[in-house]
N, C-alpha and C. Protein backbone atom coordinates (compact mmCIF):
# COMPACT_ATOMS: atom_id res chain seq x y z
N MET A 1 4.78 22.98 -3.80
CA MET A 1 5.94 23.10 -4.67
C MET A 1 5.67 24.11 -5.79
N VAL A 2 4.49 24.01 -6.43
CA VAL A 2 4.15 24.93 -7.51
C VAL A 2 4.01 26.35 -6.97
N LEU A 3 3.37 26.49 -5.80
CA LEU A 3 3.21 27.80 -5.18
C LEU A 3 4.56 28.40 -4.83
N GLU A 4 5.47 27.56 -4.33
CA GLU A 4 6.82 28.01 -3.98
C GLU A 4 7.55 28.53 -5.22
N LYS A 5 7.40 27.81 -6.34
CA LYS A 5 8.05 28.22 -7.58
C LYS A 5 7.47 29.54 -8.09
N LEU A 6 6.15 29.71 -7.98
CA LEU A 6 5.52 30.96 -8.39
C LEU A 6 6.00 32.13 -7.53
N ASP A 7 6.11 31.90 -6.21
CA ASP A 7 6.61 32.94 -5.32
C ASP A 7 8.04 33.33 -5.67
N GLN A 8 8.85 32.33 -6.01
CA GLN A 8 10.23 32.61 -6.39
C GLN A 8 10.27 33.42 -7.69
N GLN A 9 9.46 33.04 -8.66
CA GLN A 9 9.41 33.76 -9.93
C GLN A 9 8.91 35.20 -9.72
N LYS A 10 7.91 35.36 -8.86
CA LYS A 10 7.39 36.69 -8.57
C LYS A 10 8.46 37.55 -7.89
N SER A 11 9.20 36.94 -6.99
CA SER A 11 10.28 37.65 -6.29
C SER A 11 11.37 38.09 -7.27
N ILE A 12 11.75 37.21 -8.18
CA ILE A 12 12.77 37.53 -9.18
C ILE A 12 12.28 38.67 -10.07
N GLU A 13 11.03 38.61 -10.50
CA GLU A 13 10.48 39.66 -11.35
C GLU A 13 10.40 40.99 -10.61
N THR A 14 10.01 40.95 -9.34
CA THR A 14 9.96 42.17 -8.53
C THR A 14 11.35 42.80 -8.42
N ASN A 15 12.37 41.97 -8.18
CA ASN A 15 13.74 42.47 -8.09
C ASN A 15 14.20 43.07 -9.42
N ARG A 16 13.84 42.45 -10.52
CA ARG A 16 14.18 43.00 -11.84
C ARG A 16 13.56 44.38 -12.04
N LEU A 17 12.30 44.51 -11.65
CA LEU A 17 11.62 45.80 -11.79
C LEU A 17 12.25 46.87 -10.89
N TRP A 18 12.60 46.51 -9.64
CA TRP A 18 13.28 47.44 -8.74
C TRP A 18 14.58 47.92 -9.36
N LEU A 19 15.36 46.97 -9.88
CA LEU A 19 16.65 47.32 -10.46
C LEU A 19 16.48 48.21 -11.69
N LYS A 20 15.51 47.88 -12.54
CA LYS A 20 15.25 48.69 -13.73
C LYS A 20 14.86 50.11 -13.32
N ASP A 21 14.01 50.24 -12.32
CA ASP A 21 13.59 51.55 -11.82
C ASP A 21 14.76 52.30 -11.21
N GLU A 22 15.59 51.59 -10.45
CA GLU A 22 16.75 52.23 -9.83
C GLU A 22 17.74 52.73 -10.88
N ILE A 23 17.98 51.94 -11.91
CA ILE A 23 18.88 52.35 -13.00
C ILE A 23 18.35 53.61 -13.68
N PHE A 24 17.04 53.64 -13.93
CA PHE A 24 16.42 54.82 -14.54
C PHE A 24 16.63 56.05 -13.66
N LYS A 25 16.39 55.91 -12.35
CA LYS A 25 16.55 57.03 -11.42
C LYS A 25 18.01 57.51 -11.37
N ILE A 26 18.95 56.57 -11.38
CA ILE A 26 20.37 56.95 -11.37
C ILE A 26 20.72 57.70 -12.65
N ASP A 27 20.27 57.18 -13.78
CA ASP A 27 20.55 57.83 -15.07
C ASP A 27 19.98 59.25 -15.09
N GLN A 28 18.75 59.42 -14.61
CA GLN A 28 18.13 60.74 -14.59
C GLN A 28 18.85 61.68 -13.62
N PHE A 29 19.27 61.17 -12.48
CA PHE A 29 20.00 61.97 -11.50
C PHE A 29 21.30 62.48 -12.12
N CYS A 30 22.04 61.59 -12.77
CA CYS A 30 23.31 61.97 -13.42
C CYS A 30 23.06 63.00 -14.52
N PHE A 31 22.01 62.79 -15.30
CA PHE A 31 21.67 63.73 -16.37
C PHE A 31 21.38 65.12 -15.80
N ARG A 32 20.56 65.19 -14.74
CA ARG A 32 20.23 66.48 -14.13
C ARG A 32 21.45 67.18 -13.55
N GLN A 33 22.40 66.39 -13.04
CA GLN A 33 23.62 66.97 -12.46
C GLN A 33 24.66 67.31 -13.53
N GLY A 34 24.46 66.79 -14.75
CA GLY A 34 25.43 67.00 -15.82
C GLY A 34 26.67 66.13 -15.66
N TRP A 35 26.50 64.99 -14.98
CA TRP A 35 27.64 64.09 -14.73
C TRP A 35 27.72 63.03 -15.81
N GLU A 36 28.90 62.84 -16.38
CA GLU A 36 29.15 61.74 -17.30
C GLU A 36 30.01 60.74 -16.55
N MET A 37 29.43 59.61 -16.24
CA MET A 37 30.10 58.64 -15.38
C MET A 37 30.37 57.34 -16.12
N LEU A 38 31.43 56.68 -15.73
CA LEU A 38 31.72 55.34 -16.23
C LEU A 38 30.80 54.37 -15.51
N ILE A 39 30.41 53.30 -16.19
CA ILE A 39 29.50 52.31 -15.60
C ILE A 39 30.16 50.94 -15.63
N SER A 40 30.20 50.28 -14.49
CA SER A 40 30.77 48.93 -14.41
C SER A 40 29.68 47.90 -14.68
N ASN A 41 30.08 46.64 -14.81
CA ASN A 41 29.12 45.55 -15.04
C ASN A 41 28.15 45.39 -13.88
N SER A 42 28.56 45.76 -12.68
CA SER A 42 27.70 45.62 -11.50
C SER A 42 26.67 46.74 -11.40
N GLY A 43 26.83 47.79 -12.21
CA GLY A 43 25.93 48.93 -12.14
C GLY A 43 26.50 50.11 -11.39
N MET A 44 27.70 49.95 -10.85
CA MET A 44 28.38 51.06 -10.18
C MET A 44 28.70 52.13 -11.22
N ARG A 45 28.51 53.37 -10.83
CA ARG A 45 28.90 54.49 -11.68
C ARG A 45 29.95 55.29 -10.94
N TYR A 46 30.95 55.74 -11.68
CA TYR A 46 31.98 56.55 -11.03
C TYR A 46 32.60 57.52 -12.02
N GLN A 47 33.13 58.59 -11.44
CA GLN A 47 33.84 59.60 -12.22
C GLN A 47 35.04 60.04 -11.39
N ILE A 48 36.21 59.95 -11.97
CA ILE A 48 37.41 60.40 -11.26
C ILE A 48 37.42 61.92 -11.32
N ILE A 49 37.44 62.54 -10.15
CA ILE A 49 37.40 64.00 -10.04
C ILE A 49 38.80 64.58 -10.17
N SER A 50 39.75 63.94 -9.50
CA SER A 50 41.15 64.37 -9.65
C SER A 50 42.03 63.14 -9.59
N SER A 51 43.06 63.15 -10.42
CA SER A 51 43.96 62.01 -10.51
C SER A 51 45.39 62.46 -10.25
N LYS A 52 46.11 61.66 -9.48
CA LYS A 52 47.51 61.97 -9.15
C LYS A 52 48.49 61.20 -10.04
N ASN A 53 47.99 60.25 -10.86
CA ASN A 53 48.84 59.46 -11.76
C ASN A 53 50.05 58.86 -11.05
N THR A 54 49.79 58.22 -9.91
CA THR A 54 50.88 57.63 -9.13
C THR A 54 51.24 56.23 -9.59
N ASP A 55 50.37 55.60 -10.37
CA ASP A 55 50.54 54.21 -10.80
C ASP A 55 50.54 53.23 -9.63
N ILE A 56 50.06 53.65 -8.47
CA ILE A 56 49.94 52.75 -7.32
C ILE A 56 48.46 52.43 -7.16
N LYS A 57 48.07 51.21 -7.61
CA LYS A 57 46.67 50.79 -7.59
C LYS A 57 46.49 49.64 -6.62
N PRO A 58 45.38 49.63 -5.90
CA PRO A 58 45.11 48.49 -5.02
C PRO A 58 44.74 47.25 -5.82
N VAL A 59 45.02 46.11 -5.22
CA VAL A 59 44.60 44.82 -5.74
C VAL A 59 43.94 44.08 -4.57
N VAL A 60 43.35 42.94 -4.86
CA VAL A 60 42.74 42.15 -3.79
C VAL A 60 43.78 41.89 -2.70
N GLY A 61 43.40 42.19 -1.47
CA GLY A 61 44.30 42.00 -0.33
C GLY A 61 45.08 43.24 0.06
N SER A 62 45.12 44.25 -0.81
CA SER A 62 45.80 45.51 -0.45
C SER A 62 45.07 46.15 0.72
N GLU A 63 45.84 46.77 1.60
CA GLU A 63 45.23 47.56 2.67
C GLU A 63 45.14 49.00 2.17
N VAL A 64 43.94 49.56 2.22
CA VAL A 64 43.73 50.91 1.73
C VAL A 64 43.15 51.80 2.82
N ILE A 65 43.40 53.09 2.67
CA ILE A 65 42.79 54.09 3.54
C ILE A 65 42.09 55.09 2.64
N ILE A 66 40.81 55.34 2.94
CA ILE A 66 40.05 56.30 2.15
C ILE A 66 39.39 57.34 3.06
N SER A 67 39.26 58.54 2.51
CA SER A 67 38.37 59.53 3.12
C SER A 67 37.07 59.43 2.34
N TYR A 68 35.97 59.82 2.96
CA TYR A 68 34.68 59.62 2.32
C TYR A 68 33.66 60.65 2.78
N ASP A 69 32.69 60.86 1.93
CA ASP A 69 31.50 61.64 2.22
C ASP A 69 30.37 60.82 1.62
N ILE A 70 29.53 60.24 2.47
CA ILE A 70 28.48 59.32 2.02
C ILE A 70 27.13 60.04 2.12
N ARG A 71 26.42 60.05 1.00
CA ARG A 71 25.13 60.75 0.92
C ARG A 71 24.08 59.88 0.27
N LEU A 72 22.83 60.16 0.57
CA LEU A 72 21.74 59.51 -0.13
C LEU A 72 21.58 60.17 -1.49
N MET A 73 21.17 59.40 -2.47
CA MET A 73 20.92 59.97 -3.78
C MET A 73 19.48 60.48 -3.81
N ASP A 74 19.25 61.54 -3.03
CA ASP A 74 17.93 62.17 -3.00
C ASP A 74 18.07 63.62 -3.46
N SER A 75 16.99 64.35 -3.46
CA SER A 75 17.03 65.73 -3.97
C SER A 75 17.92 66.64 -3.14
N LYS A 76 18.12 66.30 -1.86
CA LYS A 76 18.97 67.11 -0.98
C LYS A 76 20.39 66.56 -0.84
N GLN A 77 20.63 65.39 -1.45
CA GLN A 77 21.90 64.68 -1.25
C GLN A 77 22.22 64.63 0.25
N THR A 78 21.28 64.09 1.00
CA THR A 78 21.36 64.03 2.46
C THR A 78 22.63 63.33 2.91
N ARG A 79 23.43 64.03 3.72
CA ARG A 79 24.70 63.46 4.21
C ARG A 79 24.40 62.43 5.30
N CYS A 80 25.03 61.26 5.16
CA CYS A 80 24.88 60.19 6.15
C CYS A 80 26.13 60.06 7.02
N TYR A 81 27.28 59.98 6.37
CA TYR A 81 28.53 59.79 7.10
C TYR A 81 29.64 60.59 6.40
N HIS A 82 30.62 61.01 7.18
CA HIS A 82 31.74 61.78 6.64
C HIS A 82 32.98 61.43 7.44
N SER A 83 34.09 61.26 6.75
CA SER A 83 35.33 60.87 7.44
C SER A 83 35.84 61.96 8.39
N ASP A 84 35.44 63.22 8.17
CA ASP A 84 35.85 64.27 9.10
C ASP A 84 35.31 64.02 10.50
N SER A 85 34.09 63.46 10.58
CA SER A 85 33.50 63.19 11.90
C SER A 85 33.61 61.73 12.32
N SER A 86 33.65 60.82 11.36
CA SER A 86 33.67 59.39 11.68
C SER A 86 35.06 58.76 11.59
N GLY A 87 36.02 59.47 11.04
CA GLY A 87 37.36 58.93 10.87
C GLY A 87 37.54 58.29 9.50
N LEU A 88 38.78 58.19 9.07
CA LEU A 88 39.10 57.56 7.78
C LEU A 88 38.74 56.09 7.82
N ALA A 89 38.44 55.52 6.65
CA ALA A 89 38.15 54.08 6.56
C ALA A 89 39.42 53.35 6.13
N LYS A 90 39.76 52.31 6.87
CA LYS A 90 40.93 51.49 6.56
C LYS A 90 40.43 50.05 6.43
N PHE A 91 40.73 49.42 5.30
CA PHE A 91 40.25 48.05 5.08
C PHE A 91 41.12 47.35 4.05
N LYS A 92 40.99 46.01 4.03
CA LYS A 92 41.67 45.20 3.01
C LYS A 92 40.68 44.93 1.89
N VAL A 93 41.11 45.21 0.67
CA VAL A 93 40.25 45.06 -0.50
C VAL A 93 39.77 43.61 -0.63
N GLU A 94 38.46 43.46 -0.75
CA GLU A 94 37.78 42.17 -0.90
C GLU A 94 37.96 41.25 0.31
N GLN A 95 38.46 41.77 1.42
CA GLN A 95 38.64 40.94 2.61
C GLN A 95 38.09 41.65 3.84
N SER A 96 37.02 42.41 3.64
CA SER A 96 36.43 43.15 4.75
C SER A 96 34.92 43.23 4.55
N LEU A 97 34.26 43.84 5.49
CA LEU A 97 32.81 43.97 5.41
C LEU A 97 32.36 45.28 4.76
N ILE A 98 33.29 46.00 4.15
CA ILE A 98 32.95 47.26 3.47
C ILE A 98 32.01 46.94 2.29
N GLU A 99 31.25 47.92 1.86
CA GLU A 99 30.30 47.71 0.76
C GLU A 99 31.00 47.14 -0.47
N THR A 100 30.34 46.22 -1.14
CA THR A 100 30.88 45.57 -2.33
C THR A 100 31.32 46.59 -3.37
N GLY A 101 30.50 47.61 -3.58
CA GLY A 101 30.81 48.63 -4.58
C GLY A 101 32.05 49.45 -4.24
N ILE A 102 32.33 49.64 -2.96
CA ILE A 102 33.54 50.37 -2.56
C ILE A 102 34.77 49.52 -2.84
N ASN A 103 34.70 48.22 -2.55
CA ASN A 103 35.79 47.33 -2.93
C ASN A 103 36.06 47.41 -4.43
N GLU A 104 34.99 47.46 -5.20
CA GLU A 104 35.11 47.52 -6.66
C GLU A 104 35.75 48.83 -7.12
N VAL A 105 35.28 49.95 -6.60
CA VAL A 105 35.76 51.24 -7.12
C VAL A 105 37.19 51.53 -6.71
N VAL A 106 37.63 51.12 -5.52
CA VAL A 106 39.01 51.45 -5.15
C VAL A 106 40.01 50.78 -6.09
N CYS A 107 39.62 49.66 -6.68
CA CYS A 107 40.52 48.99 -7.64
C CYS A 107 40.57 49.72 -8.99
N CYS A 108 39.69 50.69 -9.19
CA CYS A 108 39.71 51.52 -10.40
C CYS A 108 40.52 52.79 -10.20
N LEU A 109 40.97 53.02 -8.98
CA LEU A 109 41.66 54.27 -8.63
C LEU A 109 43.14 54.04 -8.37
N GLN A 110 43.89 55.12 -8.40
CA GLN A 110 45.29 55.12 -8.00
C GLN A 110 45.41 55.91 -6.71
N LYS A 111 46.47 55.64 -5.97
CA LYS A 111 46.72 56.37 -4.73
C LYS A 111 46.67 57.87 -5.02
N GLY A 112 45.89 58.60 -4.20
CA GLY A 112 45.75 60.04 -4.37
C GLY A 112 44.55 60.47 -5.19
N ASP A 113 43.92 59.54 -5.93
CA ASP A 113 42.75 59.88 -6.75
C ASP A 113 41.54 60.17 -5.88
N SER A 114 40.69 61.07 -6.39
CA SER A 114 39.39 61.35 -5.79
C SER A 114 38.33 60.99 -6.82
N ALA A 115 37.21 60.46 -6.34
CA ALA A 115 36.15 60.04 -7.26
C ALA A 115 34.77 60.27 -6.66
N MET A 116 33.82 60.45 -7.56
CA MET A 116 32.41 60.47 -7.24
C MET A 116 31.88 59.10 -7.62
N VAL A 117 31.12 58.47 -6.75
CA VAL A 117 30.67 57.10 -6.99
C VAL A 117 29.18 56.99 -6.66
N ILE A 118 28.42 56.33 -7.52
CA ILE A 118 27.03 56.03 -7.22
C ILE A 118 26.89 54.51 -7.17
N LEU A 119 26.41 54.02 -6.02
CA LEU A 119 26.22 52.58 -5.84
C LEU A 119 24.73 52.26 -5.76
N PRO A 120 24.23 51.40 -6.66
CA PRO A 120 22.87 50.90 -6.51
C PRO A 120 22.78 50.10 -5.21
N HIS A 121 21.57 49.93 -4.71
CA HIS A 121 21.40 49.31 -3.40
C HIS A 121 22.06 47.94 -3.28
N HIS A 122 22.06 47.15 -4.36
CA HIS A 122 22.56 45.77 -4.25
C HIS A 122 24.08 45.69 -4.06
N ILE A 123 24.82 46.78 -4.31
CA ILE A 123 26.27 46.78 -4.03
C ILE A 123 26.62 47.87 -3.01
N ALA A 124 25.58 48.40 -2.36
CA ALA A 124 25.78 49.38 -1.28
C ALA A 124 25.33 48.72 0.03
N HIS A 125 24.15 49.08 0.52
CA HIS A 125 23.67 48.56 1.80
C HIS A 125 22.47 47.62 1.67
N GLY A 126 22.13 47.25 0.44
CA GLY A 126 21.17 46.19 0.19
C GLY A 126 19.73 46.48 0.56
N LEU A 127 19.01 45.40 0.78
CA LEU A 127 17.58 45.47 1.06
C LEU A 127 17.27 46.14 2.39
N THR A 128 18.17 46.04 3.35
CA THR A 128 17.87 46.49 4.71
C THR A 128 18.46 47.85 5.07
N GLY A 129 19.34 48.40 4.24
CA GLY A 129 20.03 49.62 4.62
C GLY A 129 21.06 49.31 5.70
N ASP A 130 21.45 50.31 6.47
CA ASP A 130 22.44 50.04 7.52
C ASP A 130 21.84 50.12 8.92
N SER A 131 20.52 50.23 9.02
CA SER A 131 19.79 50.29 10.29
C SER A 131 20.07 51.57 11.08
N LYS A 132 20.74 52.54 10.46
CA LYS A 132 21.03 53.80 11.14
C LYS A 132 20.59 54.96 10.25
N LYS A 133 21.44 55.35 9.32
CA LYS A 133 21.17 56.54 8.50
C LYS A 133 20.82 56.23 7.05
N ILE A 134 21.08 55.00 6.62
CA ILE A 134 20.80 54.64 5.22
C ILE A 134 19.59 53.72 5.19
N PRO A 135 18.48 54.20 4.61
CA PRO A 135 17.25 53.41 4.56
C PRO A 135 17.36 52.18 3.65
N PRO A 136 16.43 51.24 3.78
CA PRO A 136 16.39 50.08 2.90
C PRO A 136 16.33 50.49 1.42
N LEU A 137 16.94 49.68 0.58
CA LEU A 137 16.90 49.84 -0.88
C LEU A 137 17.41 51.20 -1.36
N SER A 138 18.35 51.79 -0.64
CA SER A 138 18.85 53.12 -1.00
C SER A 138 20.00 53.09 -1.98
N THR A 139 19.91 53.94 -2.98
CA THR A 139 21.03 54.24 -3.85
C THR A 139 21.89 55.25 -3.11
N VAL A 140 23.20 55.02 -3.09
CA VAL A 140 24.07 55.83 -2.25
C VAL A 140 25.14 56.52 -3.11
N LEU A 141 25.39 57.78 -2.79
CA LEU A 141 26.38 58.61 -3.47
C LEU A 141 27.58 58.76 -2.55
N TYR A 142 28.76 58.46 -3.07
CA TYR A 142 30.00 58.55 -2.30
C TYR A 142 30.95 59.51 -2.99
N PHE A 143 31.60 60.32 -2.20
CA PHE A 143 32.75 61.10 -2.66
C PHE A 143 33.92 60.53 -1.88
N ILE A 144 34.88 59.91 -2.58
CA ILE A 144 35.98 59.26 -1.87
C ILE A 144 37.32 59.74 -2.39
N LYS A 145 38.32 59.61 -1.54
CA LYS A 145 39.70 59.85 -1.93
C LYS A 145 40.52 58.68 -1.42
N LEU A 146 41.29 58.08 -2.34
CA LEU A 146 42.16 56.97 -1.97
C LEU A 146 43.46 57.56 -1.43
N ILE A 147 43.57 57.56 -0.12
CA ILE A 147 44.69 58.23 0.55
C ILE A 147 45.95 57.38 0.55
N ASP A 148 45.81 56.08 0.82
CA ASP A 148 47.00 55.24 0.90
C ASP A 148 46.69 53.82 0.44
N VAL A 149 47.71 53.15 -0.09
CA VAL A 149 47.62 51.76 -0.54
C VAL A 149 48.87 51.05 -0.05
N LYS A 150 48.69 49.93 0.65
CA LYS A 150 49.83 49.13 1.11
C LYS A 150 49.67 47.69 0.70
């Protein structure tokens, strides 16, 4: 029991250190790029690149369609997925298996808006990555456009 509690405490502390390190890396990446981004409580960072001021915003349960360019937050901004080759993403907000951070950011946008988004691993693809192009514990950079809201 005592050993189990120590392992749990060690795991929690390790996760805190990972998150602290990831936040530092994200902050430095944004600084080097000259990006001033808004930060949510979850750690998501985003910047609206262009706004259409349509006043049509998604809410939980809205069906949305987005175009996307998904990249690793590395020195090359390695491209993982792109809607030009993979197709547009269509999903219901908070009612699908899309990344938690994408559900969060679309609710900050209006129909027609484009945004740059940085998702820490815990609201992107988590500890395991996606088993294809996104490695474990990866911070992910998204360029998205909210094409439609129903």
